[in-house]
Amino acid sequence: MGDPLQNQDYWLKFTQMDVDNYQTEERRRAEEAMRVKKANSKYLDAQVNLKNRAQEASKLADKQWKQEVTKDYNRWQEENIVLEAREKKKRAEYVADTDDICNKAEALRLSEQAKDRKFDMVSRLM
């Protein structure tokens, strides 16, 4: 069977080689796991950044929309104020014109009454 020391030396070398191979494979596996972990981490970070950018864009769009709505609302309020002022002016002019017509009619009626009284006075005297 050969020399037992030589046989023992062979098994020690074989075992050492087996341990070295196992350590090498474990190191490669750990490196691969780290590489996969880093790649996944990069991907997830990119997804988070993408989501954050989308949220920021959404917030900006909401702000711009709010500004547009506020501008439109303010413009509508201004137009409404102008329309109300025009309506008040028309109403005031209508009331003034109506009052003027009524005053003229009243003045005409009073002058007619005065003429009638004068005529009646003259006809009574005669």
C-alpha atoms as a PDB file:
ATOM      1  CA  MET A   1       0.000   0.000   0.000  1.00  0.00           C
ATOM      2  CA  GLY A   2       2.779   2.419   0.165  1.00  0.00           C
ATOM      3  CA  ASP A   3       4.216   4.593   2.792  1.00  0.00           C
ATOM      4  CA  PRO A   4       1.605   5.672   5.376  1.00  0.00           C
ATOM      5  CA  LEU A   5       3.320   9.053   5.801  1.00  0.00           C
ATOM      6  CA  GLN A   6       3.202   9.649   2.089  1.00  0.00           C
ATOM      7  CA  ASN A   7      -0.442   8.592   2.119  1.00  0.00           C
ATOM      8  CA  GLN A   8      -1.114  10.953   5.035  1.00  0.00           C
ATOM      9  CA  ASP A   9       0.712  13.749   3.227  1.00  0.00           C
ATOM     10  CA  TYR A  10      -1.448  13.152   0.161  1.00  0.00           C
ATOM     11  CA  TRP A  11      -4.660  13.393   2.193  1.00  0.00           C
ATOM     12  CA  LEU A  12      -3.453  16.526   3.954  1.00  0.00           C
ATOM     13  CA  LYS A  13      -2.696  18.143   0.603  1.00  0.00           C
ATOM     14  CA  PHE A  14      -6.045  16.965  -0.770  1.00  0.00           C
ATOM     15  CA  THR A  15      -7.886  18.313   2.265  1.00  0.00           C
ATOM     16  CA  GLN A  16      -5.970  21.625   2.072  1.00  0.00           C
ATOM     17  CA  MET A  17      -6.785  21.874  -1.624  1.00  0.00           C
ATOM     18  CA  ASP A  18     -10.434  21.083  -0.890  1.00  0.00           C
ATOM     19  CA  VAL A  19     -10.537  23.770   1.838  1.00  0.00           C
ATOM     20  CA  ASP A  20      -8.841  26.270  -0.499  1.00  0.00           C
ATOM     21  CA  ASN A  21     -11.331  25.476  -3.282  1.00  0.00           C
ATOM     22  CA  TYR A  22     -14.229  25.836  -0.851  1.00  0.00           C
ATOM     23  CA  GLN A  23     -12.898  29.203   0.410  1.00  0.00           C
ATOM     24  CA  THR A  24     -12.380  30.400  -3.156  1.00  0.00           C
ATOM     25  CA  GLU A  25     -15.895  29.353  -4.131  1.00  0.00           C
ATOM     26  CA  GLU A  26     -17.324  30.959  -0.999  1.00  0.00           C
ATOM     27  CA  ARG A  27     -15.443  34.206  -1.760  1.00  0.00           C
ATOM     28  CA  ARG A  28     -16.761  34.132  -5.352  1.00  0.00           C
ATOM     29  CA  ARG A  29     -20.276  33.444  -4.091  1.00  0.00           C
ATOM     30  CA  ALA A  30     -20.003  36.309  -1.582  1.00  0.00           C
ATOM     31  CA  GLU A  31     -18.639  38.627  -4.299  1.00  0.00           C
ATOM     32  CA  GLU A  32     -21.469  37.608  -6.626  1.00  0.00           C
ATOM     33  CA  ALA A  33     -24.002  38.168  -3.829  1.00  0.00           C
ATOM     34  CA  MET A  34     -22.486  41.606  -3.141  1.00  0.00           C
ATOM     35  CA  ARG A  35     -22.519  42.432  -6.862  1.00  0.00           C
ATOM     36  CA  VAL A  36     -26.184  41.400  -7.111  1.00  0.00           C
ATOM     37  CA  LYS A  37     -26.961  43.319  -3.923  1.00  0.00           C
ATOM     38  CA  LYS A  38     -25.243  46.462  -5.282  1.00  0.00           C
ATOM     39  CA  ALA A  39     -27.047  46.111  -8.617  1.00  0.00           C
ATOM     40  CA  ASN A  40     -30.388  45.708  -6.840  1.00  0.00           C
ATOM     41  CA  SER A  41     -29.576  48.631  -4.588  1.00  0.00           C
ATOM     42  CA  LYS A  42     -28.691  50.769  -7.613  1.00  0.00           C
ATOM     43  CA  TYR A  43     -31.917  49.755  -9.344  1.00  0.00           C
ATOM     44  CA  LEU A  44     -34.016  50.481  -6.256  1.00  0.00           C
ATOM     45  CA  ASP A  45     -32.278  53.842  -5.754  1.00  0.00           C
ATOM     46  CA  ALA A  46     -32.998  54.696  -9.381  1.00  0.00           C
ATOM     47  CA  GLN A  47     -36.642  53.720  -8.886  1.00  0.00           C
ATOM     48  CA  VAL A  48     -36.879  55.869  -5.741  1.00  0.00           C
ATOM     49  CA  ASN A  49     -35.264  58.800  -7.559  1.00  0.00           C
ATOM     50  CA  LEU A  50     -37.642  58.319 -10.473  1.00  0.00           C
ATOM     51  CA  LYS A  51     -40.603  58.266  -8.103  1.00  0.00           C
ATOM     52  CA  ASN A  52     -39.306  61.364  -6.297  1.00  0.00           C
ATOM     53  CA  ARG A  53     -38.866  63.175  -9.615  1.00  0.00           C
ATOM     54  CA  ALA A  54     -42.390  62.202 -10.614  1.00  0.00           C
ATOM     55  CA  GLN A  55     -43.720  63.462  -7.277  1.00  0.00           C
ATOM     56  CA  GLU A  56     -41.812  66.739  -7.635  1.00  0.00           C
ATOM     57  CA  ALA A  57     -43.121  67.141 -11.173  1.00  0.00           C
ATOM     58  CA  SER A  58     -46.623  66.434  -9.890  1.00  0.00           C
ATOM     59  CA  LYS A  59     -46.224  69.017  -7.117  1.00  0.00           C
ATOM     60  CA  LEU A  60     -44.938  71.557  -9.632  1.00  0.00           C
ATOM     61  CA  ALA A  61     -47.858  70.803 -11.943  1.00  0.00           C
ATOM     62  CA  ASP A  62     -50.254  71.216  -9.006  1.00  0.00           C
ATOM     63  CA  LYS A  63     -48.644  74.546  -8.127  1.00  0.00           C
ATOM     64  CA  GLN A  64     -48.879  75.748 -11.710  1.00  0.00           C
ATOM     65  CA  TRP A  65     -52.471  74.550 -11.944  1.00  0.00           C
ATOM     66  CA  LYS A  66     -53.285  76.372  -8.706  1.00  0.00           C
ATOM     67  CA  GLN A  67     -51.689  79.540 -10.072  1.00  0.00           C
ATOM     68  CA  GLU A  68     -53.676  79.232 -13.294  1.00  0.00           C
ATOM     69  CA  VAL A  69     -56.901  78.618 -11.403  1.00  0.00           C
ATOM     70  CA  THR A  70     -56.140  81.550  -9.098  1.00  0.00           C
ATOM     71  CA  LYS A  71     -55.447  83.803 -12.098  1.00  0.00           C
ATOM     72  CA  ASP A  72     -58.661  82.666 -13.775  1.00  0.00           C
ATOM     73  CA  TYR A  73     -60.613  83.151 -10.554  1.00  0.00           C
ATOM     74  CA  ASN A  74     -59.144  86.635 -10.020  1.00  0.00           C
ATOM     75  CA  ARG A  75     -59.871  87.554 -13.641  1.00  0.00           C
ATOM     76  CA  TRP A  76     -63.418  86.255 -13.222  1.00  0.00           C
ATOM     77  CA  GLN A  77     -63.795  88.295 -10.006  1.00  0.00           C
ATOM     78  CA  GLU A  78     -62.541  91.439 -11.768  1.00  0.00           C
ATOM     79  CA  GLU A  79     -64.883  90.861 -14.701  1.00  0.00           C
ATOM     80  CA  ASN A  80     -67.721  90.227 -12.274  1.00  0.00           C
ATOM     81  CA  ILE A  81     -66.961  93.473 -10.406  1.00  0.00           C
ATOM     82  CA  VAL A  82     -66.900  95.396 -13.694  1.00  0.00           C
ATOM     83  CA  LEU A  83     -70.195  93.802 -14.783  1.00  0.00           C
ATOM     84  CA  GLU A  84     -71.796  94.593 -11.425  1.00  0.00           C
ATOM     85  CA  ALA A  85     -70.576  98.197 -11.666  1.00  0.00           C
ATOM     86  CA  ARG A  86     -72.019  98.490 -15.188  1.00  0.00           C
ATOM     87  CA  GLU A  87     -75.284  96.991 -13.986  1.00  0.00           C
ATOM     88  CA  LYS A  88     -75.429  99.446 -11.064  1.00  0.00           C
ATOM     89  CA  LYS A  89     -74.683 102.326 -13.425  1.00  0.00           C
ATOM     90  CA  LYS A  90     -77.429 101.200 -15.818  1.00  0.00           C
ATOM     91  CA  ARG A  91     -79.839 100.835 -12.905  1.00  0.00           C
ATOM     92  CA  ALA A  92     -78.899 104.284 -11.585  1.00  0.00           C
ATOM     93  CA  GLU A  93     -79.317 105.806 -15.074  1.00  0.00           C
ATOM     94  CA  TYR A  94     -82.696 104.064 -15.448  1.00  0.00           C
ATOM     95  CA  VAL A  95     -83.826 105.351 -12.045  1.00  0.00           C
ATOM     96  CA  ALA A  96     -82.568 108.872 -12.896  1.00  0.00           C
ATOM     97  CA  ASP A  97     -84.314 108.791 -16.285  1.00  0.00           C
ATOM     98  CA  THR A  98     -87.519 107.489 -14.682  1.00  0.00           C
ATOM     99  CA  ASP A  99     -87.324 110.164 -11.987  1.00  0.00           C
ATOM    100  CA  ASP A 100     -86.741 112.809 -14.670  1.00  0.00           C
ATOM    101  CA  ILE A 101     -89.762 111.594 -16.663  1.00  0.00           C
ATOM    102  CA  CYS A 102     -91.882 111.550 -13.493  1.00  0.00           C
ATOM    103  CA  ASN A 103     -90.684 115.036 -12.526  1.00  0.00           C
ATOM    104  CA  LYS A 104     -91.464 116.398 -16.005  1.00  0.00           C
ATOM    105  CA  ALA A 105     -94.883 114.762 -15.931  1.00  0.00           C
ATOM    106  CA  GLU A 106     -95.512 116.215 -12.461  1.00  0.00           C
ATOM    107  CA  ALA A 107     -94.337 119.650 -13.604  1.00  0.00           C
ATOM    108  CA  LEU A 108     -96.588 119.410 -16.676  1.00  0.00           C
ATOM    109  CA  ARG A 109     -99.523 118.343 -14.482  1.00  0.00           C
ATOM    110  CA  LEU A 110     -98.884 121.198 -12.074  1.00  0.00           C
ATOM    111  CA  SER A 111     -98.635 123.709 -14.909  1.00  0.00           C
ATOM    112  CA  GLU A 112    -101.878 122.334 -16.402  1.00  0.00           C
ATOM    113  CA  GLN A 113    -103.562 122.651 -13.023  1.00  0.00           C
ATOM    114  CA  ALA A 114    -102.301 126.205 -12.699  1.00  0.00           C
ATOM    115  CA  LYS A 115    -103.634 127.029 -16.181  1.00  0.00           C
ATOM    116  CA  ASP A 116    -106.966 125.419 -15.344  1.00  0.00           C
ATOM    117  CA  ARG A 117    -107.208 127.392 -12.093  1.00  0.00           C
ATOM    118  CA  LYS A 118    -106.299 130.570 -13.908  1.00  0.00           C
ATOM    119  CA  PHE A 119    -108.877 129.818 -16.592  1.00  0.00           C
ATOM    120  CA  ASP A 120    -111.474 129.011 -13.947  1.00  0.00           C
ATOM    121  CA  MET A 121    -110.705 132.226 -12.126  1.00  0.00           C
ATOM    122  CA  VAL A 122    -110.994 134.241 -15.304  1.00  0.00           C
ATOM    123  CA  SER A 123    -114.215 132.540 -16.346  1.00  0.00           C
ATOM    124  CA  ARG A 124    -115.786 133.090 -12.921  1.00  0.00           C
ATOM    125  CA  LEU A 125    -114.993 136.738 -13.043  1.00  0.00           C
ATOM    126  CA  MET A 126    -116.650 137.150 -16.319  1.00  0.00           C
END
